[in-house]
Amino acid sequence: MVKVFKLPRMGATMKEGTIGQFLVKVGDKVSEGDALYEVETDKITNQAESDMDGYVRKFLVEEGDTVACQTPVLIVSEDENEDISAYL
């Protein structure tokens, strides 16, 4: 299974956020609940967490990028060799 993690909406009025720092690297094994990256808004800095076990496969944005909510940020797959080309 492959999942594309998107920038979450962390409040009713949130329209965009800045990727503060990735807390994982491509190739890292992650578990459900692990923090993946920081999201900075004009009000808070929070961490986006994984909701699955798997491997970080690709970053789709860079640290410091400001993106709209629901923009794809990174890809995680259950199998470290799973084909992710359809998600790029």
Protein backbone atom coordinates (compact mmCIF):
# COMPACT_ATOMS: atom_id res chain seq x y z
CA MET A 1 0.00 0.00 0.00
CA VAL A 2 1.20 3.50 -0.89
CA LYS A 3 -0.02 6.67 0.83
CA VAL A 4 0.53 10.26 -0.17
CA PHE A 5 0.56 12.43 2.95
CA LYS A 6 -0.96 15.86 2.39
CA LEU A 7 -0.62 19.08 4.35
CA PRO A 8 -3.34 18.77 7.00
CA ARG A 9 -5.79 21.53 7.89
CA MET A 10 -4.97 22.28 11.54
CA GLY A 11 -7.77 24.75 12.16
CA ALA A 12 -11.01 25.94 10.63
CA THR A 13 -9.42 29.03 9.05
CA MET A 14 -6.12 27.47 7.95
CA LYS A 15 -5.59 27.77 4.19
CA GLU A 16 -1.83 27.14 3.92
CA GLY A 17 1.20 26.20 5.95
CA THR A 18 4.97 26.18 5.71
CA ILE A 19 6.98 22.97 5.85
CA GLY A 20 9.33 23.78 8.72
CA GLN A 21 11.53 20.71 8.85
CA PHE A 22 11.31 17.10 7.78
CA LEU A 23 11.77 14.90 10.85
CA VAL A 24 12.49 11.79 8.76
CA LYS A 25 14.71 10.98 5.79
CA VAL A 26 13.95 9.11 2.57
CA GLY A 27 14.39 5.42 3.35
CA ASP A 28 13.51 5.72 7.04
CA LYS A 29 11.15 3.15 8.51
CA VAL A 30 8.24 4.86 10.27
CA SER A 31 5.48 3.59 12.52
CA GLU A 32 1.97 4.84 13.08
CA GLY A 33 2.18 7.94 15.29
CA ASP A 34 5.73 8.92 14.26
CA ALA A 35 6.20 12.61 13.46
CA LEU A 36 7.01 13.13 9.77
CA TYR A 37 7.43 16.90 9.41
CA GLU A 38 6.72 20.23 11.08
CA VAL A 39 3.93 22.50 9.85
CA GLU A 40 4.23 26.21 10.63
CA THR A 41 1.26 28.58 10.41
CA ASP A 42 0.83 32.17 11.49
CA LYS A 43 -0.51 30.86 14.82
CA ILE A 44 1.22 27.55 15.64
CA THR A 45 3.94 25.07 14.77
CA ASN A 46 2.76 21.47 14.89
CA GLN A 47 3.92 18.05 13.72
CA ALA A 48 2.21 15.94 11.08
CA GLU A 49 2.18 12.26 12.06
CA SER A 50 2.11 9.02 10.13
CA ASP A 51 -1.07 6.97 10.34
CA MET A 52 0.60 3.83 8.99
CA ASP A 53 3.74 1.72 9.25
CA GLY A 54 6.06 1.86 6.27
CA TYR A 55 9.02 3.51 4.60
CA VAL A 56 9.48 7.14 3.62
CA ARG A 57 9.90 7.04 -0.15
CA LYS A 58 9.89 10.59 -1.52
CA PHE A 59 9.49 14.22 -0.50
CA LEU A 60 7.18 16.14 -2.84
CA VAL A 61 7.95 19.62 -1.45
CA GLU A 62 11.00 21.17 0.19
CA GLU A 63 11.63 22.52 3.67
CA GLY A 64 10.56 26.15 3.76
CA ASP A 65 7.91 25.76 1.05
CA THR A 66 4.55 27.35 1.81
CA VAL A 67 1.76 25.24 0.34
CA ALA A 68 -2.04 25.09 0.43
CA CYS A 69 -3.81 22.62 2.70
CA GLN A 70 -4.21 19.20 1.08
CA THR A 71 -1.08 19.66 -1.07
CA PRO A 72 0.88 16.36 -1.33
CA VAL A 73 3.97 16.54 0.91
CA LEU A 74 5.54 13.07 1.02
CA ILE A 75 5.00 9.44 0.08
CA VAL A 76 5.16 6.44 2.42
CA SER A 77 4.78 2.81 1.30
CA GLU A 78 4.43 -0.41 3.29
CA ASP A 79 7.15 -2.08 1.19
CA GLU A 80 10.43 -0.21 0.69
CA ASN A 81 10.61 -1.47 -2.94
CA GLU A 82 6.97 -0.83 -3.90
CA ASP A 83 6.46 1.02 -7.20
CA ILE A 84 5.39 4.61 -6.43
CA SER A 85 5.59 5.97 -9.98
CA ALA A 86 1.80 6.28 -10.25
CA TYR A 87 1.82 8.73 -7.31
CA LEU A 88 4.42 11.14 -8.68
